[in-house]
PDB file of N, CA and C in Angstrom:
ATOM      1  N   MET A   1      99.704  42.859  98.284  1.00  0.00           N
ATOM      2  CA  MET A   1     100.830  43.638  98.749  1.00  0.00           C
ATOM      3  C   MET A   1     102.116  42.936  98.303  1.00  0.00           C
ATOM      4  N   ARG A   2     103.021  43.691  97.724  1.00  0.00           N
ATOM      5  CA  ARG A   2     104.259  43.098  97.226  1.00  0.00           C
ATOM      6  C   ARG A   2     105.232  42.871  98.373  1.00  0.00           C
ATOM      7  N   PRO A   3     106.128  41.879  98.228  1.00  0.00           N
ATOM      8  CA  PRO A   3     107.136  41.643  99.262  1.00  0.00           C
ATOM      9  C   PRO A   3     108.182  42.749  99.258  1.00  0.00           C
ATOM     10  N   ALA A   4     108.860  42.895 100.384  1.00  0.00           N
ATOM     11  CA  ALA A   4     109.928  43.897 100.487  1.00  0.00           C
ATOM     12  C   ALA A   4     111.110  43.476  99.625  1.00  0.00           C
ATOM     13  N   LEU A   5     111.719  44.426  98.968  1.00  0.00           N
ATOM     14  CA  LEU A   5     112.898  44.142  98.151  1.00  0.00           C
ATOM     15  C   LEU A   5     114.130  43.933  99.025  1.00  0.00           C
ATOM     16  N   ILE A   6     114.267  44.728 100.077  1.00  0.00           N
ATOM     17  CA  ILE A   6     115.417  44.610 100.973  1.00  0.00           C
ATOM     18  C   ILE A   6     114.931  44.596 102.423  1.00  0.00           C
ATOM     19  N   SER A   7     115.734  44.005 103.274  1.00  0.00           N
ATOM     20  CA  SER A   7     115.410  43.959 104.700  1.00  0.00           C
ATOM     21  C   SER A   7     115.696  45.320 105.337  1.00  0.00           C
ATOM     22  N   ALA A   8     115.179  45.505 106.541  1.00  0.00           N
ATOM     23  CA  ALA A   8     115.430  46.746 107.275  1.00  0.00           C
ATOM     24  C   ALA A   8     116.927  46.898 107.566  1.00  0.00           C
ATOM     25  N   GLU A   9     117.589  45.786 107.867  1.00  0.00           N
ATOM     26  CA  GLU A   9     119.032  45.830 108.152  1.00  0.00           C
ATOM     27  C   GLU A   9     119.820  46.236 106.907  1.00  0.00           C
ATOM     28  N   LEU A  10     119.473  45.656 105.769  1.00  0.00           N
ATOM     29  CA  LEU A  10     120.143  46.002 104.523  1.00  0.00           C
ATOM     30  C   LEU A  10     119.862  47.458 104.152  1.00  0.00           C
ATOM     31  N   TYR A  11     118.650  47.915 104.418  1.00  0.00           N
ATOM     32  CA  TYR A  11     118.312  49.315 104.157  1.00  0.00           C
ATOM     33  C   TYR A  11     119.237  50.253 104.944  1.00  0.00           C
ATOM     34  N   GLU A  12     119.449  49.946 106.212  1.00  0.00           N
ATOM     35  CA  GLU A  12     120.300  50.797 107.045  1.00  0.00           C
ATOM     36  C   GLU A  12     121.727  50.856 106.493  1.00  0.00           C
ATOM     37  N   LEU A  13     122.244  49.712 106.081  1.00  0.00           N
ATOM     38  CA  LEU A  13     123.604  49.683 105.543  1.00  0.00           C
ATOM     39  C   LEU A  13     123.695  50.427 104.208  1.00  0.00           C
ATOM     40  N   LEU A  14     122.711  50.242 103.361  1.00  0.00           N
ATOM     41  CA  LEU A  14     122.694  50.961 102.088  1.00  0.00           C
ATOM     42  C   LEU A  14     122.532  52.464 102.305  1.00  0.00           C
ATOM     43  N   ASP A  15     121.726  52.837 103.286  1.00  0.00           N
ATOM     44  CA  ASP A  15     121.518  54.254 103.570  1.00  0.00           C
ATOM     45  C   ASP A  15     122.807  54.901 104.080  1.00  0.00           C
ATOM     46  N   GLU A  16     123.579  54.136 104.834  1.00  0.00           N
ATOM     47  CA  GLU A  16     124.870  54.643 105.313  1.00  0.00           C
ATOM     48  C   GLU A  16     125.787  54.940 104.124  1.00  0.00           C
ATOM     49  N   LEU A  17     125.799  54.058 103.143  1.00  0.00           N
ATOM     50  CA  LEU A  17     126.603  54.295 101.938  1.00  0.00           C
ATOM     51  C   LEU A  17     126.049  55.461 101.131  1.00  0.00           C
ATOM     52  N   ARG A  18     124.733  55.606 101.108  1.00  0.00           N
ATOM     53  CA  ARG A  18     124.115  56.737 100.397  1.00  0.00           C
ATOM     54  C   ARG A  18     124.544  58.061 101.034  1.00  0.00           C
ATOM     55  N   ARG A  19     124.558  58.092 102.362  1.00  0.00           N
ATOM     56  CA  ARG A  19     124.973  59.317 103.060  1.00  0.00           C
ATOM     57  C   ARG A  19     126.433  59.645 102.752  1.00  0.00           C
ATOM     58  N   PHE A  20     127.283  58.614 102.714  1.00  0.00           N
ATOM     59  CA  PHE A  20     128.688  58.849 102.369  1.00  0.00           C
ATOM     60  C   PHE A  20     128.792  59.389 100.948  1.00  0.00           C
ATOM     61  N   ARG A  21     128.050  58.810 100.017  1.00  0.00           N
ATOM     62  CA  ARG A  21     128.077  59.269  98.628  1.00  0.00           C
ATOM     63  C   ARG A  21     127.627  60.727  98.538  1.00  0.00           C
ATOM     64  N   HIS A  22     126.576  61.066  99.269  1.00  0.00           N
ATOM     65  CA  HIS A  22     126.081  62.441  99.264  1.00  0.00           C
ATOM     66  C   HIS A  22     127.174  63.395  99.752  1.00  0.00           C
ATOM     67  N   PHE A  23     127.826  63.034 100.853  1.00  0.00           N
ATOM     68  CA  PHE A  23     128.905  63.872 101.384  1.00  0.00           C
ATOM     69  C   PHE A  23     130.027  63.997 100.360  1.00  0.00           C
ATOM     70  N   PHE A  24     130.425  62.857  99.779  1.00  0.00           N
ATOM     71  CA  PHE A  24     131.526  62.830  98.820  1.00  0.00           C
ATOM     72  C   PHE A  24     131.235  63.730  97.626  1.00  0.00           C
ATOM     73  N   ARG A  25     130.016  63.685  97.111  1.00  0.00           N
ATOM     74  CA  ARG A  25     129.661  64.469  95.927  1.00  0.00           C
ATOM     75  C   ARG A  25     129.573  65.966  96.223  1.00  0.00           C
ATOM     76  N   HIS A  26     129.364  66.327  97.496  1.00  0.00           N
ATOM     77  CA  HIS A  26     129.191  67.736  97.845  1.00  0.00           C
ATOM     78  C   HIS A  26     130.336  68.276  98.686  1.00  0.00           C
ATOM     79  N   ALA A  27     131.424  67.532  98.786  1.00  0.00           N
ATOM     80  CA  ALA A  27     132.535  67.927  99.654  1.00  0.00           C
ATOM     81  C   ALA A  27     133.631  68.631  98.860  1.00  0.00           C
ATOM     82  N   TYR A  28     133.265  69.656  98.137  1.00  0.00           N
ATOM     83  CA  TYR A  28     134.272  70.404  97.378  1.00  0.00           C
ATOM     84  C   TYR A  28     135.229  71.085  98.342  1.00  0.00           C
ATOM     85  N   GLY A  29     136.509  70.897  98.098  1.00  0.00           N
ATOM     86  CA  GLY A  29     137.508  71.555  98.919  1.00  0.00           C
ATOM     87  C   GLY A  29     137.742  70.900 100.272  1.00  0.00           C
ATOM     88  N   VAL A  30     137.093  69.782 100.536  1.00  0.00           N
ATOM     89  CA  VAL A  30     137.270  69.079 101.804  1.00  0.00           C
ATOM     90  C   VAL A  30     138.132  67.854 101.540  1.00  0.00           C
ATOM     91  N   GLU A  31     139.135  67.669 102.364  1.00  0.00           N
ATOM     92  CA  GLU A  31     140.001  66.506 102.205  1.00  0.00           C
ATOM     93  C   GLU A  31     139.304  65.285 102.784  1.00  0.00           C
ATOM     94  N   LEU A  32     139.232  64.226 101.977  1.00  0.00           N
ATOM     95  CA  LEU A  32     138.585  63.000 102.428  1.00  0.00           C
ATOM     96  C   LEU A  32     139.545  62.170 103.270  1.00  0.00           C
ATOM     97  N   ASP A  33     138.999  61.523 104.260  1.00  0.00           N
ATOM     98  CA  ASP A  33     139.761  60.632 105.122  1.00  0.00           C
ATOM     99  C   ASP A  33     139.892  59.284 104.418  1.00  0.00           C
ATOM    100  N   ALA A  34     141.118  58.867 104.128  1.00  0.00           N
ATOM    101  CA  ALA A  34     141.361  57.620 103.403  1.00  0.00           C
ATOM    102  C   ALA A  34     140.769  56.419 104.133  1.00  0.00           C
ATOM    103  N   ASP A  35     140.789  56.436 105.453  1.00  0.00           N
ATOM    104  CA  ASP A  35     140.215  55.324 106.219  1.00  0.00           C
ATOM    105  C   ASP A  35     138.705  55.231 106.012  1.00  0.00           C
ATOM    106  N   LYS A  36     138.038  56.392 105.980  1.00  0.00           N
ATOM    107  CA  LYS A  36     136.584  56.393 105.780  1.00  0.00           C
ATOM    108  C   LYS A  36     136.228  55.939 104.365  1.00  0.00           C
ATOM    109  N   VAL A  37     137.021  56.341 103.400  1.00  0.00           N
ATOM    110  CA  VAL A  37     136.782  55.901 102.024  1.00  0.00           C
ATOM    111  C   VAL A  37     136.971  54.388 101.936  1.00  0.00           C
ATOM    112  N   GLY A  38     138.033  53.891 102.530  1.00  0.00           N
ATOM    113  CA  GLY A  38     138.288  52.449 102.541  1.00  0.00           C
ATOM    114  C   GLY A  38     137.192  51.679 103.245  1.00  0.00           C
ATOM    115  N   GLU A  39     136.687  52.246 104.337  1.00  0.00           N
ATOM    116  CA  GLU A  39     135.588  51.624 105.080  1.00  0.00           C
ATOM    117  C   GLU A  39     134.331  51.548 104.215  1.00  0.00           C
ATOM    118  N   ALA A  40     134.033  52.619 103.483  1.00  0.00           N
ATOM    119  CA  ALA A  40     132.857  52.630 102.611  1.00  0.00           C
ATOM    120  C   ALA A  40     132.996  51.606 101.484  1.00  0.00           C
ATOM    121  N   VAL A  41     134.189  51.502 100.925  1.00  0.00           N
ATOM    122  CA  VAL A  41     134.427  50.509  99.866  1.00  0.00           C
ATOM    123  C   VAL A  41     134.247  49.101 100.426  1.00  0.00           C
ATOM    124  N   GLY A  42     134.784  48.863 101.600  1.00  0.00           N
ATOM    125  CA  GLY A  42     134.633  47.546 102.234  1.00  0.00           C
ATOM    126  C   GLY A  42     133.179  47.193 102.474  1.00  0.00           C
ATOM    127  N   LYS A  43     132.390  48.157 102.936  1.00  0.00           N
ATOM    128  CA  LYS A  43     130.966  47.912 103.171  1.00  0.00           C
ATOM    129  C   LYS A  43     130.238  47.632 101.860  1.00  0.00           C
ATOM    130  N   ALA A  44     130.589  48.368 100.829  1.00  0.00           N
ATOM    131  CA  ALA A  44     129.944  48.155  99.532  1.00  0.00           C
ATOM    132  C   ALA A  44     130.237  46.746  99.022  1.00  0.00           C
ATOM    133  N   ILE A  45     131.472  46.295  99.192  1.00  0.00           N
ATOM    134  CA  ILE A  45     131.838  44.947  98.754  1.00  0.00           C
ATOM    135  C   ILE A  45     131.072  43.899  99.560  1.00  0.00           C
ATOM    136  N   LEU A  46     130.975  44.097 100.870  1.00  0.00           N
ATOM    137  CA  LEU A  46     130.261  43.144 101.719  1.00  0.00           C
ATOM    138  C   LEU A  46     128.759  43.121 101.429  1.00  0.00           C
ATOM    139  N   LEU A  47     128.208  44.234 100.968  1.00  0.00           N
ATOM    140  CA  LEU A  47     126.771  44.306 100.699  1.00  0.00           C
ATOM    141  C   LEU A  47     126.380  43.691  99.361  1.00  0.00           C
ATOM    142  N   ARG A  48     127.342  43.460  98.519  1.00  0.00           N
ATOM    143  CA  ARG A  48     127.026  42.961  97.178  1.00  0.00           C
ATOM    144  C   ARG A  48     126.238  41.652  97.225  1.00  0.00           C
ATOM    145  N   GLU A  49     126.737  40.682  97.968  1.00  0.00           N
ATOM    146  CA  GLU A  49     126.081  39.368  98.028  1.00  0.00           C
ATOM    147  C   GLU A  49     124.705  39.433  98.710  1.00  0.00           C
ATOM    148  N   PRO A  50     124.592  40.054  99.906  1.00  0.00           N
ATOM    149  CA  PRO A  50     123.263  40.126 100.529  1.00  0.00           C
ATOM    150  C   PRO A  50     122.238  40.868  99.647  1.00  0.00           C
ATOM    151  N   PHE A  51     122.687  41.895  98.944  1.00  0.00           N
ATOM    152  CA  PHE A  51     121.770  42.617  98.064  1.00  0.00           C
ATOM    153  C   PHE A  51     121.321  41.715  96.918  1.00  0.00           C
ATOM    154  N   HIS A  52     122.267  40.984  96.332  1.00  0.00           N
ATOM    155  CA  HIS A  52     121.937  40.074  95.241  1.00  0.00           C
ATOM    156  C   HIS A  52     120.953  38.998  95.715  1.00  0.00           C
ATOM    157  N   LEU A  53     121.224  38.411  96.879  1.00  0.00           N
ATOM    158  CA  LEU A  53     120.319  37.389  97.419  1.00  0.00           C
ATOM    159  C   LEU A  53     118.932  37.962  97.700  1.00  0.00           C
ATOM    160  N   GLY A  54     118.883  39.172  98.233  1.00  0.00           N
ATOM    161  CA  GLY A  54     117.594  39.822  98.479  1.00  0.00           C
ATOM    162  C   GLY A  54     116.833  40.063  97.189  1.00  0.00           C
ATOM    163  N   MET A  55     117.548  40.461  96.153  1.00  0.00           N
ATOM    164  CA  MET A  55     116.914  40.690  94.850  1.00  0.00           C
ATOM    165  C   MET A  55     116.364  39.387  94.285  1.00  0.00           C
ATOM    166  N   MET A  56     117.143  38.319  94.372  1.00  0.00           N
ATOM    167  CA  MET A  56     116.685  37.022  93.865  1.00  0.00           C
ATOM    168  C   MET A  56     115.473  36.523  94.653  1.00  0.00           C
ATOM    169  N   ASN A  57     115.499  36.697  95.967  1.00  0.00           N
ATOM    170  CA  ASN A  57     114.365  36.311  96.806  1.00  0.00           C
ATOM    171  C   ASN A  57     113.119  37.106  96.415  1.00  0.00           C
ATOM    172  N   PHE A  58     113.295  38.379  96.202  1.00  0.00           N
ATOM    173  CA  PHE A  58     112.186  39.248  95.797  1.00  0.00           C
ATOM    174  C   PHE A  58     111.571  38.761  94.481  1.00  0.00           C
ATOM    175  N   LEU A  59     112.421  38.489  93.509  1.00  0.00           N
ATOM    176  CA  LEU A  59     111.928  38.030  92.218  1.00  0.00           C
ATOM    177  C   LEU A  59     111.254  36.681  92.308  1.00  0.00           C
ATOM    178  N   ASP A  60     111.794  35.787  93.141  1.00  0.00           N
ATOM    179  CA  ASP A  60     111.154  34.485  93.352  1.00  0.00           C
ATOM    180  C   ASP A  60     109.774  34.634  93.969  1.00  0.00           C
ATOM    181  N   ARG A  61     109.648  35.518  94.924  1.00  0.00           N
ATOM    182  CA  ARG A  61     108.343  35.718  95.593  1.00  0.00           C
ATOM    183  C   ARG A  61     107.337  36.368  94.659  1.00  0.00           C
ATOM    184  N   LEU A  62     107.810  37.187  93.741  1.00  0.00           N
ATOM    185  CA  LEU A  62     106.892  37.781  92.771  1.00  0.00           C
ATOM    186  C   LEU A  62     106.328  36.721  91.836  1.00  0.00           C
ATOM    187  N   GLY A  63     107.134  35.690  91.565  1.00  0.00           N
ATOM    188  CA  GLY A  63     106.705  34.624  90.660  1.00  0.00           C
ATOM    189  C   GLY A  63     105.768  33.614  91.291  1.00  0.00           C
ATOM    190  N   GLU A  64     105.556  33.686  92.604  1.00  0.00           N
ATOM    191  CA  GLU A  64     104.681  32.718  93.296  1.00  0.00           C
ATOM    192  C   GLU A  64     103.245  32.922  92.922  1.00  0.00           C
TER     193      GLU A  64
END
């Protein structure tokens, strides 16, 4: 059995960004809230490092 690529916590945060992206791509004619866009950008920036570390951990475990 292969190790998990991301933790359950990271999955939840990534899924939240996925939902925002889905809304953004399908929100024709809807004005976006600048605060929500800024919040999504902030979360994406904060997730960069944990995602990278999770990926490196995954690759290390595959090499064991």
